[in-house]
Structures are given as C-alpha cells and as structure tokens.
C-alpha cells in the first residue's frame, strides 16, 4: 500500500487500505500519500477519522499531517507535540 501511495496510485493504495487491518503504518502511509499527491483535504479528513476510530497519532503521523497542511495552502495549522495539539 505504501509503494502505491508513494507512486501516486492512490486508487490502488485506497483499495488495499480498505481491505486490510488498520495499524499506525497503514494510517500513516495513506495520509502521507494523499498529502504528497495534492489531496491535502482528504489527508486531513482521514487524520481526524483515524482519531475518531481511537488510533492515537504516533511520532510519524504529524509529518503527514504537516505535509498536508503545507500542501493545502491553509497556512494556519496547529503543531503536534507528544499528545498535545497547539
């Protein structure tokens, strides 16, 4: 799934994501892939979905989140440190 996302085959990455058991690796891969390929809003939405499903962000998750915000042009974003959003 990660290689599909990195190569821009988000359709294939999403298909795999939907079919497999979710863990931090899968969430981080799809969020980062979406952000990397101009789908920042989808990446941000998926980040919040991850949290609603009781997956707490790990040390890598903010990289995908910050990348999504940076690519979206939103500019005003919160910074994640540990378990606190600023």
PDB file of N, CA and C in Angstrom:
ATOM      1  N   UNK A   1       0.816  -1.179   0.000  1.00  0.00           N
ATOM      2  CA  UNK A   1       0.000   0.000   0.000  1.00  0.00           C
ATOM      3  C   UNK A   1       0.869   1.256   0.000  1.00  0.00           C
ATOM      4  N   UNK A   2       1.914   1.238   0.781  1.00  0.00           N
ATOM      5  CA  UNK A   2       2.802   2.397   0.871  1.00  0.00           C
ATOM      6  C   UNK A   2       3.422   2.727  -0.489  1.00  0.00           C
ATOM      7  N   UNK A   3       3.867   1.730  -1.210  1.00  0.00           N
ATOM      8  CA  UNK A   3       4.502   1.982  -2.511  1.00  0.00           C
ATOM      9  C   UNK A   3       3.481   2.507  -3.519  1.00  0.00           C
ATOM     10  N   UNK A   4       2.246   2.006  -3.468  1.00  0.00           N
ATOM     11  CA  UNK A   4       1.200   2.547  -4.344  1.00  0.00           C
ATOM     12  C   UNK A   4       0.990   4.034  -4.040  1.00  0.00           C
ATOM     13  N   UNK A   5       0.904   4.367  -2.753  1.00  0.00           N
ATOM     14  CA  UNK A   5       0.687   5.760  -2.362  1.00  0.00           C
ATOM     15  C   UNK A   5       1.851   6.644  -2.789  1.00  0.00           C
ATOM     16  N   UNK A   6       3.076   6.176  -2.579  1.00  0.00           N
ATOM     17  CA  UNK A   6       4.246   6.976  -2.945  1.00  0.00           C
ATOM     18  C   UNK A   6       4.356   7.183  -4.442  1.00  0.00           C
ATOM     19  N   UNK A   7       3.893   6.210  -5.219  1.00  0.00           N
ATOM     20  CA  UNK A   7       3.963   6.303  -6.683  1.00  0.00           C
ATOM     21  C   UNK A   7       2.770   7.036  -7.285  1.00  0.00           C
ATOM     22  N   UNK A   8       1.864   7.489  -6.439  1.00  0.00           N
ATOM     23  CA  UNK A   8       0.728   8.240  -6.950  1.00  0.00           C
ATOM     24  C   UNK A   8      -0.465   7.403  -7.344  1.00  0.00           C
ATOM     25  N   UNK A   9      -0.402   6.106  -7.106  1.00  0.00           N
ATOM     26  CA  UNK A   9      -1.545   5.233  -7.408  1.00  0.00           C
ATOM     27  C   UNK A   9      -2.454   5.187  -6.191  1.00  0.00           C
ATOM     28  N   UNK A  10      -3.056   6.330  -5.904  1.00  0.00           N
ATOM     29  CA  UNK A  10      -3.878   6.458  -4.711  1.00  0.00           C
ATOM     30  C   UNK A  10      -5.115   5.582  -4.763  1.00  0.00           C
ATOM     31  N   UNK A  11      -5.605   5.320  -5.954  1.00  0.00           N
ATOM     32  CA  UNK A  11      -6.755   4.430  -6.092  1.00  0.00           C
ATOM     33  C   UNK A  11      -6.411   3.030  -5.605  1.00  0.00           C
ATOM     34  N   UNK A  12      -5.250   2.532  -6.003  1.00  0.00           N
ATOM     35  CA  UNK A  12      -4.826   1.203  -5.579  1.00  0.00           C
ATOM     36  C   UNK A  12      -4.458   1.189  -4.093  1.00  0.00           C
ATOM     37  N   UNK A  13      -3.805   2.252  -3.625  1.00  0.00           N
ATOM     38  CA  UNK A  13      -3.461   2.344  -2.206  1.00  0.00           C
ATOM     39  C   UNK A  13      -4.732   2.331  -1.359  1.00  0.00           C
ATOM     40  N   UNK A  14      -5.754   3.070  -1.806  1.00  0.00           N
ATOM     41  CA  UNK A  14      -7.004   3.129  -1.066  1.00  0.00           C
ATOM     42  C   UNK A  14      -7.685   1.764  -1.039  1.00  0.00           C
ATOM     43  N   UNK A  15      -7.672   1.053  -2.166  1.00  0.00           N
ATOM     44  CA  UNK A  15      -8.267  -0.291  -2.211  1.00  0.00           C
ATOM     45  C   UNK A  15      -7.615  -1.211  -1.186  1.00  0.00           C
ATOM     46  N   UNK A  16      -6.298  -1.180  -1.118  1.00  0.00           N
ATOM     47  CA  UNK A  16      -5.582  -2.010  -0.146  1.00  0.00           C
ATOM     48  C   UNK A  16      -5.914  -1.549   1.269  1.00  0.00           C
ATOM     49  N   UNK A  17      -5.900  -0.249   1.501  1.00  0.00           N
ATOM     50  CA  UNK A  17      -6.190   0.305   2.822  1.00  0.00           C
ATOM     51  C   UNK A  17      -7.556  -0.152   3.329  1.00  0.00           C
ATOM     52  N   UNK A  18      -8.534  -0.142   2.456  1.00  0.00           N
ATOM     53  CA  UNK A  18      -9.886  -0.530   2.843  1.00  0.00           C
ATOM     54  C   UNK A  18      -9.989  -2.010   3.209  1.00  0.00           C
ATOM     55  N   UNK A  19      -9.114  -2.840   2.672  1.00  0.00           N
ATOM     56  CA  UNK A  19      -9.234  -4.293   2.847  1.00  0.00           C
ATOM     57  C   UNK A  19      -8.396  -4.869   3.980  1.00  0.00           C
ATOM     58  N   UNK A  20      -7.411  -4.129   4.460  1.00  0.00           N
ATOM     59  CA  UNK A  20      -6.507  -4.701   5.450  1.00  0.00           C
ATOM     60  C   UNK A  20      -6.805  -4.167   6.849  1.00  0.00           C
ATOM     61  N   UNK A  21      -6.269  -4.876   7.837  1.00  0.00           N
ATOM     62  CA  UNK A  21      -6.391  -4.429   9.219  1.00  0.00           C
ATOM     63  C   UNK A  21      -5.570  -3.149   9.392  1.00  0.00           C
ATOM     64  N   UNK A  22      -6.161  -2.162  10.027  1.00  0.00           N
ATOM     65  CA  UNK A  22      -5.503  -0.868  10.182  1.00  0.00           C
ATOM     66  C   UNK A  22      -4.539  -0.881  11.365  1.00  0.00           C
ATOM     67  N   UNK A  23      -3.399  -0.268  11.175  1.00  0.00           N
ATOM     68  CA  UNK A  23      -2.445  -0.002  12.246  1.00  0.00           C
ATOM     69  C   UNK A  23      -1.788   1.341  11.934  1.00  0.00           C
ATOM     70  N   UNK A  24      -0.808   1.730  12.740  1.00  0.00           N
ATOM     71  CA  UNK A  24      -0.185   3.033  12.510  1.00  0.00           C
ATOM     72  C   UNK A  24       0.517   3.108  11.161  1.00  0.00           C
ATOM     73  N   UNK A  25       1.080   2.018  10.721  1.00  0.00           N
ATOM     74  CA  UNK A  25       1.781   2.018   9.430  1.00  0.00           C
ATOM     75  C   UNK A  25       0.813   2.297   8.292  1.00  0.00           C
ATOM     76  N   UNK A  26      -0.346   1.658   8.304  1.00  0.00           N
ATOM     77  CA  UNK A  26      -1.301   1.855   7.216  1.00  0.00           C
ATOM     78  C   UNK A  26      -1.887   3.264   7.236  1.00  0.00           C
ATOM     79  N   UNK A  27      -2.266   3.747   8.439  1.00  0.00           N
ATOM     80  CA  UNK A  27      -2.806   5.100   8.531  1.00  0.00           C
ATOM     81  C   UNK A  27      -1.785   6.127   8.067  1.00  0.00           C
ATOM     82  N   UNK A  28      -0.549   5.998   8.538  1.00  0.00           N
ATOM     83  CA  UNK A  28       0.494   6.959   8.165  1.00  0.00           C
ATOM     84  C   UNK A  28       0.780   6.920   6.673  1.00  0.00           C
ATOM     85  N   UNK A  29       0.811   5.736   6.092  1.00  0.00           N
ATOM     86  CA  UNK A  29       1.109   5.606   4.660  1.00  0.00           C
ATOM     87  C   UNK A  29       0.043   6.280   3.800  1.00  0.00           C
ATOM     88  N   UNK A  30      -1.220   6.050   4.121  1.00  0.00           N
ATOM     89  CA  UNK A  30      -2.275   6.621   3.280  1.00  0.00           C
ATOM     90  C   UNK A  30      -2.385   8.129   3.495  1.00  0.00           C
ATOM     91  N   UNK A  31      -2.238   8.599   4.730  1.00  0.00           N
ATOM     92  CA  UNK A  31      -2.286  10.046   4.997  1.00  0.00           C
ATOM     93  C   UNK A  31      -1.139  10.752   4.279  1.00  0.00           C
ATOM     94  N   UNK A  32       0.057  10.213   4.392  1.00  0.00           N
ATOM     95  CA  UNK A  32       1.221  10.825   3.725  1.00  0.00           C
ATOM     96  C   UNK A  32       1.092  10.775   2.213  1.00  0.00           C
ATOM     97  N   UNK A  33       0.607   9.667   1.684  1.00  0.00           N
ATOM     98  CA  UNK A  33       0.422   9.539   0.231  1.00  0.00           C
ATOM     99  C   UNK A  33      -0.570  10.550  -0.306  1.00  0.00           C
ATOM    100  N   UNK A  34      -1.678  10.714   0.388  1.00  0.00           N
ATOM    101  CA  UNK A  34      -2.671  11.699  -0.034  1.00  0.00           C
ATOM    102  C   UNK A  34      -2.078  13.107  -0.002  1.00  0.00           C
ATOM    103  N   UNK A  35      -1.376  13.422   1.078  1.00  0.00           N
ATOM    104  CA  UNK A  35      -0.773  14.760   1.205  1.00  0.00           C
ATOM    105  C   UNK A  35       0.259  15.001   0.113  1.00  0.00           C
ATOM    106  N   UNK A  36       1.072  14.003  -0.163  1.00  0.00           N
ATOM    107  CA  UNK A  36       2.160  14.121  -1.139  1.00  0.00           C
ATOM    108  C   UNK A  36       1.645  14.380  -2.549  1.00  0.00           C
ATOM    109  N   UNK A  37       0.442  13.887  -2.839  1.00  0.00           N
ATOM    110  CA  UNK A  37      -0.074  13.975  -4.207  1.00  0.00           C
ATOM    111  C   UNK A  37      -1.257  14.935  -4.332  1.00  0.00           C
ATOM    112  N   UNK A  38      -1.243  15.991  -3.492  1.00  0.00           N
ATOM    113  CA  UNK A  38      -2.188  17.079  -3.675  1.00  0.00           C
ATOM    114  C   UNK A  38      -3.574  16.862  -3.128  1.00  0.00           C
ATOM    115  N   UNK A  39      -3.760  15.843  -2.328  1.00  0.00           N
ATOM    116  CA  UNK A  39      -5.087  15.573  -1.760  1.00  0.00           C
ATOM    117  C   UNK A  39      -5.073  15.909  -0.269  1.00  0.00           C
ATOM    118  N   UNK A  40      -4.647  17.129   0.025  1.00  0.00           N
ATOM    119  CA  UNK A  40      -4.448  17.564   1.408  1.00  0.00           C
ATOM    120  C   UNK A  40      -5.731  17.488   2.228  1.00  0.00           C
ATOM    121  N   UNK A  41      -6.833  17.942   1.667  1.00  0.00           N
ATOM    122  CA  UNK A  41      -8.085  17.918   2.419  1.00  0.00           C
ATOM    123  C   UNK A  41      -8.478  16.496   2.782  1.00  0.00           C
ATOM    124  N   UNK A  42      -8.274  15.562   1.847  1.00  0.00           N
ATOM    125  CA  UNK A  42      -8.571  14.152   2.124  1.00  0.00           C
ATOM    126  C   UNK A  42      -7.646  13.604   3.208  1.00  0.00           C
ATOM    127  N   UNK A  43      -6.368  14.004   3.170  1.00  0.00           N
ATOM    128  CA  UNK A  43      -5.409  13.553   4.174  1.00  0.00           C
ATOM    129  C   UNK A  43      -5.795  14.070   5.557  1.00  0.00           C
ATOM    130  N   UNK A  44      -6.193  15.331   5.628  1.00  0.00           N
ATOM    131  CA  UNK A  44      -6.588  15.924   6.906  1.00  0.00           C
ATOM    132  C   UNK A  44      -7.848  15.257   7.433  1.00  0.00           C
ATOM    133  N   UNK A  45      -8.815  15.042   6.551  1.00  0.00           N
ATOM    134  CA  UNK A  45     -10.048  14.360   6.946  1.00  0.00           C
ATOM    135  C   UNK A  45      -9.750  12.953   7.457  1.00  0.00           C
ATOM    136  N   UNK A  46      -8.864  12.253   6.778  1.00  0.00           N
ATOM    137  CA  UNK A  46      -8.508  10.896   7.187  1.00  0.00           C
ATOM    138  C   UNK A  46      -7.766  10.896   8.521  1.00  0.00           C
ATOM    139  N   UNK A  47      -6.957  11.913   8.753  1.00  0.00           N
ATOM    140  CA  UNK A  47      -6.277  12.043  10.039  1.00  0.00           C
ATOM    141  C   UNK A  47      -7.296  12.107  11.173  1.00  0.00           C
ATOM    142  N   UNK A  48      -8.325  12.933  11.006  1.00  0.00           N
ATOM    143  CA  UNK A  48      -9.344  13.047  12.048  1.00  0.00           C
ATOM    144  C   UNK A  48     -10.177  11.775  12.158  1.00  0.00           C
ATOM    145  N   UNK A  49     -10.403  11.099  11.053  1.00  0.00           N
ATOM    146  CA  UNK A  49     -11.100   9.809  11.094  1.00  0.00           C
ATOM    147  C   UNK A  49     -10.279   8.804  11.897  1.00  0.00           C
ATOM    148  N   UNK A  50      -8.975   8.820  11.711  1.00  0.00           N
ATOM    149  CA  UNK A  50      -8.081   7.942  12.464  1.00  0.00           C
ATOM    150  C   UNK A  50      -8.276   8.162  13.959  1.00  0.00           C
ATOM    151  N   UNK A  51      -8.333   9.409  14.369  1.00  0.00           N
ATOM    152  CA  UNK A  51      -8.516   9.715  15.787  1.00  0.00           C
ATOM    153  C   UNK A  51      -9.899   9.298  16.284  1.00  0.00           C
ATOM    154  N   UNK A  52     -10.928   9.493  15.469  1.00  0.00           N
ATOM    155  CA  UNK A  52     -12.276   9.080  15.873  1.00  0.00           C
ATOM    156  C   UNK A  52     -12.359   7.574  16.075  1.00  0.00           C
ATOM    157  N   UNK A  53     -11.535   6.838  15.345  1.00  0.00           N
ATOM    158  CA  UNK A  53     -11.522   5.379  15.479  1.00  0.00           C
ATOM    159  C   UNK A  53     -10.554   4.917  16.569  1.00  0.00           C
ATOM    160  N   UNK A  54     -10.163   5.861  17.423  1.00  0.00           N
ATOM    161  CA  UNK A  54      -9.347   5.593  18.613  1.00  0.00           C
ATOM    162  C   UNK A  54      -7.903   5.209  18.324  1.00  0.00           C
ATOM    163  N   UNK A  55      -7.384   5.572  17.160  1.00  0.00           N
ATOM    164  CA  UNK A  55      -5.954   5.435  16.883  1.00  0.00           C
ATOM    165  C   UNK A  55      -5.310   6.759  17.256  1.00  0.00           C
ATOM    166  N   UNK A  56      -4.399   6.725  18.194  1.00  0.00           N
ATOM    167  CA  UNK A  56      -3.683   7.941  18.579  1.00  0.00           C
ATOM    168  C   UNK A  56      -2.500   8.132  17.641  1.00  0.00           C
ATOM    169  N   UNK A  57      -2.224   9.366  17.259  1.00  0.00           N
ATOM    170  CA  UNK A  57      -1.067   9.629  16.399  1.00  0.00           C
ATOM    171  C   UNK A  57       0.228   9.175  17.064  1.00  0.00           C
ATOM    172  N   UNK A  58       1.139   8.631  16.264  1.00  0.00           N
ATOM    173  CA  UNK A  58       2.461   8.294  16.791  1.00  0.00           C
ATOM    174  C   UNK A  58       3.452   9.349  16.315  1.00  0.00           C
ATOM    175  N   UNK A  59       4.734   9.121  16.485  1.00  0.00           N
ATOM    176  CA  UNK A  59       5.752  10.114  16.147  1.00  0.00           C
ATOM    177  C   UNK A  59       5.856  10.454  14.674  1.00  0.00           C
ATOM    178  N   UNK A  60       5.355   9.604  13.801  1.00  0.00           N
ATOM    179  CA  UNK A  60       5.428   9.824  12.350  1.00  0.00           C
ATOM    180  C   UNK A  60       4.183  10.536  11.825  1.00  0.00           C
ATOM    181  N   UNK A  61       3.061  10.331  12.459  1.00  0.00           N
ATOM    182  CA  UNK A  61       1.790  10.875  11.971  1.00  0.00           C
ATOM    183  C   UNK A  61       1.828  12.384  11.736  1.00  0.00           C
ATOM    184  N   UNK A  62       2.440  13.181  12.606  1.00  0.00           N
ATOM    185  CA  UNK A  62       2.463  14.634  12.364  1.00  0.00           C
ATOM    186  C   UNK A  62       3.174  15.022  11.073  1.00  0.00           C
ATOM    187  N   UNK A  63       4.108  14.221  10.620  1.00  0.00           N
ATOM    188  CA  UNK A  63       4.807  14.534   9.368  1.00  0.00           C
ATOM    189  C   UNK A  63       3.797  14.560   8.218  1.00  0.00           C
ATOM    190  N   UNK A  64       2.949  13.538   8.152  1.00  0.00           N
ATOM    191  CA  UNK A  64       1.916  13.513   7.119  1.00  0.00           C
ATOM    192  C   UNK A  64       0.920  14.638   7.299  1.00  0.00           C
ATOM    193  N   UNK A  65       0.548  14.907   8.552  1.00  0.00           N
ATOM    194  CA  UNK A  65      -0.398  15.989   8.826  1.00  0.00           C
ATOM    195  C   UNK A  65       0.156  17.349   8.456  1.00  0.00           C
ATOM    196  N   UNK A  66       1.387  17.606   8.838  1.00  0.00           N
ATOM    197  CA  UNK A  66       2.011  18.893   8.496  1.00  0.00           C
ATOM    198  C   UNK A  66       2.212  19.031   6.990  1.00  0.00           C
ATOM    199  N   UNK A  67       2.574  17.943   6.350  1.00  0.00           N
ATOM    200  CA  UNK A  67       2.724  17.956   4.896  1.00  0.00           C
ATOM    201  C   UNK A  67       1.399  18.296   4.225  1.00  0.00           C
ATOM    202  N   UNK A  68       0.325  17.713   4.728  1.00  0.00           N
ATOM    203  CA  UNK A  68      -0.995  18.005   4.162  1.00  0.00           C
ATOM    204  C   UNK A  68      -1.347  19.475   4.326  1.00  0.00           C
ATOM    205  N   UNK A  69      -1.133  20.022   5.518  1.00  0.00           N
ATOM    206  CA  UNK A  69      -1.415  21.434   5.734  1.00  0.00           C
ATOM    207  C   UNK A  69      -0.553  22.311   4.831  1.00  0.00           C
ATOM    208  N   UNK A  70       0.711  21.966   4.700  1.00  0.00           N
ATOM    209  CA  UNK A  70       1.619  22.753   3.865  1.00  0.00           C
ATOM    210  C   UNK A  70       1.182  22.730   2.402  1.00  0.00           C
ATOM    211  N   UNK A  71       0.772  21.563   1.914  1.00  0.00           N
ATOM    212  CA  UNK A  71       0.346  21.432   0.524  1.00  0.00           C
ATOM    213  C   UNK A  71      -1.025  22.057   0.272  1.00  0.00           C
ATOM    214  N   UNK A  72      -1.816  22.201   1.324  1.00  0.00           N
ATOM    215  CA  UNK A  72      -3.171  22.727   1.138  1.00  0.00           C
ATOM    216  C   UNK A  72      -3.189  24.245   1.011  1.00  0.00           C
ATOM    217  N   UNK A  73      -2.133  24.906   1.483  1.00  0.00           N
ATOM    218  CA  UNK A  73      -2.109  26.355   1.471  1.00  0.00           C
ATOM    219  C   UNK A  73      -2.923  26.968   2.591  1.00  0.00           C
ATOM    220  N   UNK A  74      -3.344  26.131   3.537  1.00  0.00           N
ATOM    221  CA  UNK A  74      -4.155  26.634   4.643  1.00  0.00           C
ATOM    222  C   UNK A  74      -3.351  27.570   5.538  1.00  0.00           C
ATOM    223  N   UNK A  75      -2.085  27.278   5.706  1.00  0.00           N
ATOM    224  CA  UNK A  75      -1.209  28.167   6.451  1.00  0.00           C
ATOM    225  C   UNK A  75      -1.400  28.158   7.944  1.00  0.00           C
ATOM    226  N   UNK A  76      -2.610  28.271   8.410  1.00  0.00           N
ATOM    227  CA  UNK A  76      -2.872  28.324   9.850  1.00  0.00           C
ATOM    228  C   UNK A  76      -3.143  26.911  10.347  1.00  0.00           C
ATOM    229  N   UNK A  77      -2.141  26.329  10.966  1.00  0.00           N
ATOM    230  CA  UNK A  77      -2.320  24.973  11.463  1.00  0.00           C
ATOM    231  C   UNK A  77      -1.737  24.838  12.859  1.00  0.00           C
ATOM    232  N   UNK A  78      -2.135  23.780  13.516  1.00  0.00           N
ATOM    233  CA  UNK A  78      -1.661  23.505  14.862  1.00  0.00           C
ATOM    234  C   UNK A  78      -0.496  22.545  14.792  1.00  0.00           C
ATOM    235  N   UNK A  79       0.441  22.658  15.702  1.00  0.00           N
ATOM    236  CA  UNK A  79       1.606  21.785  15.734  1.00  0.00           C
ATOM    237  C   UNK A  79       1.407  20.713  16.783  1.00  0.00           C
ATOM    238  N   UNK A  80       1.698  19.485  16.407  1.00  0.00           N
ATOM    239  CA  UNK A  80       1.551  18.342  17.290  1.00  0.00           C
ATOM    240  C   UNK A  80       2.859  18.061  18.005  1.00  0.00           C
ATOM    241  N   UNK A  81       2.801  17.961  19.333  1.00  0.00           N
ATOM    242  CA  UNK A  81       3.981  17.584  20.092  1.00  0.00           C
ATOM    243  C   UNK A  81       3.550  16.624  21.189  1.00  0.00           C
ATOM    244  N   UNK A  82       4.048  15.398  21.124  1.00  0.00           N
ATOM    245  CA  UNK A  82       3.626  14.395  22.101  1.00  0.00           C
ATOM    246  C   UNK A  82       2.171  14.070  21.918  1.00  0.00           C
ATOM    247  N   UNK A  83       1.380  14.334  22.918  1.00  0.00           N
ATOM    248  CA  UNK A  83      -0.043  14.046  22.813  1.00  0.00           C
ATOM    249  C   UNK A  83      -0.869  15.323  22.853  1.00  0.00           C
ATOM    250  N   UNK A  84      -0.253  16.457  22.543  1.00  0.00           N
ATOM    251  CA  UNK A  84      -0.952  17.742  22.633  1.00  0.00           C
ATOM    252  C   UNK A  84      -0.873  18.469  21.304  1.00  0.00           C
ATOM    253  N   UNK A  85      -2.009  18.989  20.831  1.00  0.00           N
ATOM    254  CA  UNK A  85      -2.037  19.858  19.642  1.00  0.00           C
ATOM    255  C   UNK A  85      -2.024  21.290  20.126  1.00  0.00           C
ATOM    256  N   UNK A  86      -1.161  22.086  19.533  1.00  0.00           N
ATOM    257  CA  UNK A  86      -1.048  23.505  19.901  1.00  0.00           C
ATOM    258  C   UNK A  86      -1.714  24.366  18.868  1.00  0.00           C
TER     259      UNK A  86
END
